Protein backbone atom coordinates (compact mmCIF):
# COMPACT_ATOMS: atom_id res chain seq x y z
CA MET A 1 41.02 97.55 175.03
CA GLN A 2 40.31 94.64 172.60
CA THR A 3 43.36 92.55 171.26
CA TYR A 4 43.87 92.86 167.49
CA GLY A 5 45.79 90.28 165.47
CA TRP A 6 47.30 93.05 163.32
CA ARG A 7 49.09 94.62 166.24
CA ILE A 8 52.22 92.58 165.28
CA TYR A 9 52.51 94.85 162.32
CA ALA A 10 52.15 98.19 164.13
CA VAL A 11 55.85 98.62 165.16
CA PRO A 12 57.36 98.30 161.74
CA VAL A 13 54.68 100.48 160.22
CA LEU A 14 55.38 103.18 162.78
CA LEU A 15 59.10 102.93 162.31
CA ALA A 16 58.67 103.48 158.63
CA LEU A 17 56.56 106.55 159.39
CA THR A 18 59.37 107.83 161.61
CA ILE A 19 61.94 107.37 158.90
CA ALA A 20 59.61 109.13 156.49
CA LEU A 21 59.39 112.00 158.95
CA LEU A 22 63.25 112.32 159.32
CA VAL A 23 63.44 112.60 155.45
CA VAL A 24 60.89 115.32 155.53
CA THR A 25 62.82 117.03 158.32
CA ILE A 26 66.08 117.02 156.50
CA GLN A 27 64.56 118.04 153.15
CA GLY A 28 62.33 120.72 154.66
CA GLY A 29 59.33 119.51 152.59
CA GLY A 30 55.76 120.63 152.66
CA THR A 31 53.44 122.94 150.94
CA ALA A 32 53.99 126.62 151.78
CA SER A 33 51.22 129.08 152.11
CA PRO A 34 52.04 132.79 151.60
CA SER A 35 49.27 133.66 154.04
CA ALA A 36 50.41 131.56 156.92
CA GLY A 37 53.28 133.72 157.99
CA GLU A 38 54.13 134.49 161.61
CA PRO A 39 51.93 132.30 163.82
CA THR A 40 51.71 134.66 166.74
CA GLY A 41 53.40 137.86 167.92
CA ASP A 42 55.38 138.41 171.07
CA ALA A 43 52.71 140.66 172.35
CA VAL A 44 50.30 137.61 172.86
CA ARG A 45 52.95 135.28 174.19
CA ASN A 46 52.95 134.79 177.94
CA PRO A 47 56.61 134.40 179.28
CA LYS A 48 55.23 133.19 182.55
CA VAL A 49 53.00 130.42 181.25
CA GLN A 50 54.58 127.85 183.52
CA GLU A 51 53.25 129.72 186.56
CA GLU A 52 49.73 129.09 185.52
CA THR A 53 47.79 126.54 187.66
CA THR A 54 45.11 125.27 185.27
CA PRO A 55 45.40 123.34 181.96
CA ILE A 56 45.92 125.29 178.77
CA GLY A 57 44.53 124.40 175.43
CA ALA A 58 41.66 121.97 176.27
CA PRO A 59 38.13 123.20 175.45
CA LYS A 60 35.76 124.14 178.18
CA GLY A 61 32.41 125.57 178.76
CA ASP A 62 29.00 124.71 177.45
CA ILE A 63 28.59 123.34 173.98
CA GLN A 64 25.62 122.02 171.96
CA GLU A 65 25.71 118.40 170.87
CA ALA A 66 25.48 119.37 167.23
CA ALA A 67 29.00 120.93 167.42
CA LEU A 68 30.67 117.70 168.74
CA PRO A 69 30.95 115.42 165.61
CA ALA A 70 33.80 117.64 163.95
CA GLY A 71 35.99 116.88 166.91
CA ALA A 72 35.03 113.23 167.49
CA LEU A 73 37.75 110.72 167.74
CA PRO A 74 38.05 108.75 164.50
CA GLY A 75 37.84 105.01 164.34
CA GLY A 76 41.14 102.98 164.17
CA GLY A 77 43.54 101.02 166.21
CA PRO A 78 43.40 100.32 169.99
CA TYR A 79 44.75 102.68 172.65
CA THR A 80 45.13 102.58 176.33
CA ALA A 81 42.18 103.87 178.31
CA LYS A 82 43.70 103.76 181.69
CA GLY A 83 47.47 104.05 182.51
CA GLU A 84 49.33 104.03 185.90
CA LYS A 85 49.37 107.92 186.19
CA THR A 86 53.16 107.78 186.63
CA TYR A 87 55.72 108.54 183.86
CA ARG A 88 59.07 107.26 182.71
CA VAL A 89 61.63 109.48 181.04
CA ILE A 90 62.73 107.93 177.65
CA ARG A 91 66.48 107.99 177.58
CA GLY A 92 68.32 110.15 175.02
CA THR A 93 69.80 113.53 174.76
CA GLY A 94 70.54 115.97 171.98
CA ASP A 95 72.37 118.97 170.89
CA ARG A 96 70.66 122.36 170.90
CA VAL A 97 68.48 122.94 167.79
CA GLY A 98 67.74 126.36 166.61
CA THR A 99 69.57 129.68 167.11
CA GLY A 100 66.92 131.53 169.24
CA GLY A 101 68.19 133.09 172.43
CA GLN A 102 65.58 131.41 174.72
CA GLU A 103 66.47 127.80 175.08
CA PHE A 104 63.90 125.29 176.30
CA THR A 105 65.06 122.02 177.61
CA TYR A 106 62.71 118.99 177.24
CA THR A 107 62.35 115.43 178.16
CA VAL A 108 60.29 112.89 176.27
CA GLU A 109 58.18 110.74 178.57
CA ALA A 110 55.61 107.91 178.31
CA GLU A 111 53.04 107.00 180.88
CA ASN A 112 53.66 103.65 182.48
CA GLY A 113 50.83 101.20 181.46
CA VAL A 114 50.50 102.50 178.00
CA LYS A 115 51.07 99.63 175.70
CA ALA A 116 54.08 100.04 173.36
CA SER A 117 52.55 97.88 170.61
CA GLN A 118 49.91 100.64 170.23
CA TYR A 119 52.04 103.53 169.59
CA GLY A 120 55.29 101.94 168.31
CA GLY A 121 57.31 102.13 171.40
CA ASP A 122 59.37 104.65 173.22
CA ARG A 123 62.07 105.17 170.66
CA THR A 124 59.59 105.72 167.84
CA PHE A 125 57.68 108.33 169.95
CA ALA A 126 60.85 110.07 170.94
CA ALA A 127 62.21 110.14 167.43
CA MET A 128 59.03 111.82 166.20
CA VAL A 129 59.24 114.40 168.90
CA ASP A 130 62.95 115.14 168.30
CA ALA A 131 62.60 115.38 164.43
CA THR A 132 59.51 117.63 164.67
CA LEU A 133 61.16 120.18 167.01
CA ALA A 134 64.31 120.14 164.98
CA ASN A 135 62.54 120.98 161.74
CA PRO A 136 63.05 124.59 160.61
CA LYS A 137 59.30 124.87 159.98
CA SER A 138 58.80 124.25 163.73
CA TRP A 139 59.10 126.90 166.48
CA ILE A 140 62.86 127.37 165.92
CA GLY A 141 62.01 128.79 162.58
CA GLY A 142 61.06 132.10 164.14
CA GLY A 143 64.63 132.58 165.42
CA LYS A 144 63.49 133.37 169.02
CA VAL A 145 63.54 129.94 170.66
CA SER A 146 65.65 126.87 170.59
CA PHE A 147 65.30 123.37 172.11
CA ARG A 148 67.56 120.85 173.77
CA ARG A 149 66.56 117.35 174.76
CA ILE A 150 67.69 116.12 178.18
CA ASP A 151 66.97 112.92 180.14
CA SER A 152 67.88 113.99 183.67
CA GLY A 153 67.33 117.11 185.73
CA ASP A 154 64.52 119.64 185.73
CA ALA A 155 63.36 120.13 182.19
CA ASP A 156 61.37 123.20 181.00
CA LEU A 157 58.94 120.91 179.17
CA ARG A 158 57.93 117.37 179.68
CA ILE A 159 56.46 116.03 176.48
CA SER A 160 54.42 113.12 177.66
CA LEU A 161 52.40 110.33 175.91
CA SER A 162 49.43 109.81 178.05
CA SER A 163 46.54 107.48 178.40
CA THR A 164 43.03 108.69 177.93
CA GLU A 165 41.97 108.77 181.48
CA THR A 166 45.16 110.52 182.67
CA THR A 167 44.78 113.12 179.90
CA ARG A 168 41.19 113.78 180.87
CA GLU A 169 42.31 114.28 184.62
CA LEU A 170 45.07 116.70 183.58
CA CYS A 171 43.30 118.49 180.83
CA GLY A 172 39.70 118.29 181.91
CA TYR A 173 36.64 116.63 180.26
CA GLN A 174 34.03 119.08 180.57
CA ILE A 175 33.30 118.80 176.81
CA LYS A 176 33.06 115.26 175.99
CA LEU A 177 35.98 115.34 173.37
CA ASP A 178 39.29 113.59 173.68
CA THR A 179 42.09 116.18 173.49
CA SER A 180 45.59 117.14 174.42
CA CYS A 181 46.75 120.16 176.49
CA TYR A 182 49.54 121.76 178.33
CA TYR A 183 49.49 121.33 182.16
CA PRO A 184 51.72 123.90 183.69
CA PRO A 185 52.00 122.60 187.34
CA ASP A 186 53.93 119.68 185.89
CA LYS A 187 55.45 121.57 182.93
CA ARG A 188 53.80 118.67 181.05
CA VAL A 189 52.95 118.73 177.33
CA VAL A 190 50.15 116.15 177.50
CA ILE A 191 49.83 114.15 174.31
CA ASN A 192 46.72 112.00 174.37
CA GLU A 193 47.62 108.52 173.11
CA ALA A 194 44.14 108.10 171.69
CA ARG A 195 44.73 111.02 169.36
CA TRP A 196 48.28 109.88 168.65
CA VAL A 197 46.97 106.57 167.41
CA ARG A 198 43.81 107.72 165.71
CA GLY A 199 44.34 111.28 164.70
CA ALA A 200 41.59 113.83 163.93
CA MET A 201 38.77 114.10 161.35
CA ALA A 202 40.19 117.27 159.73
CA PHE A 203 43.34 115.43 158.70
CA GLN A 204 41.57 112.76 156.71
CA GLY A 205 43.68 109.82 157.89
CA ASP A 206 47.03 111.59 157.52
CA GLY A 207 48.45 110.39 160.78
CA LEU A 208 52.00 111.64 160.21
CA THR A 209 51.01 115.30 159.56
CA TYR A 210 48.53 115.11 162.45
CA ARG A 211 51.35 114.04 164.86
CA GLN A 212 53.55 116.73 163.84
CA TYR A 213 50.60 119.24 164.40
CA LEU A 214 49.94 117.75 167.78
CA ILE A 215 53.50 118.12 168.97
CA ASN A 216 53.89 121.62 167.63
CA HIS A 217 50.45 122.92 168.90
CA GLU A 218 50.92 121.68 172.43
CA VAL A 219 54.57 122.73 172.70
CA GLY A 220 53.31 126.12 171.45
CA HIS A 221 51.13 126.34 174.64
CA GLY A 222 54.15 125.28 176.59
CA ILE A 223 56.38 128.10 175.35
CA GLY A 224 53.72 130.74 176.08
CA PHE A 225 51.18 130.81 173.23
CA GLU A 226 48.09 130.34 175.28
CA ARG A 227 45.38 131.61 172.98
CA HIS A 228 43.92 129.75 170.11
CA LYS A 229 43.70 131.34 166.59
CA PRO A 230 41.00 131.21 164.05
CA CYS A 231 41.30 130.65 160.25
CA ALA A 232 42.22 134.01 158.77
CA GLU A 233 41.99 133.41 155.09
CA ASP A 234 39.75 131.01 153.16
CA GLY A 235 41.66 128.13 151.70
CA ALA A 236 44.96 129.08 153.49
CA LEU A 237 47.02 126.74 155.73
CA ALA A 238 45.56 126.86 159.23
CA PRO A 239 47.40 128.69 162.06
CA ILE A 240 49.41 126.21 164.12
CA MET A 241 47.48 127.61 167.19
CA MET A 242 44.16 126.76 165.67
CA GLN A 243 42.36 123.88 167.34
CA GLN A 244 42.73 121.64 164.21
CA THR A 245 41.99 118.58 166.25
CA PHE A 246 38.37 119.78 166.22
CA GLY A 247 38.23 121.00 162.60
CA THR A 248 39.75 123.64 160.31
CA ALA A 249 36.57 125.67 159.77
CA ASN A 250 35.88 128.59 162.02
CA SER A 251 32.31 127.47 162.42
CA GLN A 252 33.64 124.35 164.12
CA VAL A 253 36.27 125.77 166.45
CA ILE A 254 34.28 128.84 167.47
CA ALA A 255 31.69 126.46 168.96
CA LEU A 256 34.41 125.21 171.28
CA ASP A 257 36.17 128.49 172.07
CA PRO A 258 33.90 131.57 172.88
CA GLU A 259 37.02 133.79 172.65
CA LEU A 260 37.08 133.32 168.88
CA GLY A 261 33.48 134.58 168.62
CA ASP A 262 34.34 137.60 166.39
CA ALA A 263 35.98 135.55 163.68
CA ASP A 264 34.33 135.10 160.29
CA ARG A 265 32.52 131.91 160.53
CA THR A 266 32.43 131.28 156.88
CA LEU A 267 36.31 130.77 156.55
CA VAL A 268 37.73 127.33 156.11
CA CYS A 269 41.53 126.53 156.23
CA ARG A 270 43.58 123.57 155.22
CA PRO A 271 45.26 121.26 157.83
CA ASN A 272 48.73 122.45 158.74
CA ALA A 273 51.37 120.99 161.11
CA TRP A 274 53.96 123.90 161.35
CA PRO A 275 54.24 127.27 162.86
CA TYR A 276 56.48 128.51 160.01
CA PRO A 277 55.41 126.40 156.92
CA ASP A 278 57.30 128.74 154.47
CA LYS A 279 60.71 127.75 155.85
């Protein structure tokens, strides 16, 4: 990628964003929507999702070119197109967060070869992951799961910042859209650095909220919520398992996911980063 003179400002800006996130986590801020409610029920949660052998969450199948612009990668800062396809565990552990009986341990990882100046560095990325999962509006808000960060041993989830090429190899690239996914054979929550840096059109430049969404959505796949959800009420906050990277209108996401074909195509939701936004 091209070198930009403003890169020297990237780290302090991202650190400031992380501090802002921590404040939001402590205060439990955010706009609630009475229609958001429970994101998914236990009946649709796959407790054996980690036994799957193919990526979960990435769009696949045929799609018309006219449907691509809503999910296009926005312009913005540089990102790493090709990493080394190996990962390092970012050091750091934490206490258990949440009261749910099913505990998921997780590591935070970064692909070797991804440039720290682009995403703010390992500590910034790890702090964002930790703060997001510890927020009561995240998955712990349902009272059924809890999380604990480790940096050694066999984790249940490996939350991994990944280059574009590695993400495409793990998640697939049949539809020419940069995305993230959950890759069960490695227990890897694949976070595409291109999306981490540039976000998504639907979030209109709100990179902080988009990163929270990205973590919660892909971790959602990792804890068993395989299926995507459509917008259920016009103007409501989008379900966390809606493919908001590609839009918050049903007409946009149905084009990418045939399983949503029965949803009302006229409905449009608002961007939402949380499984339990009312918490």
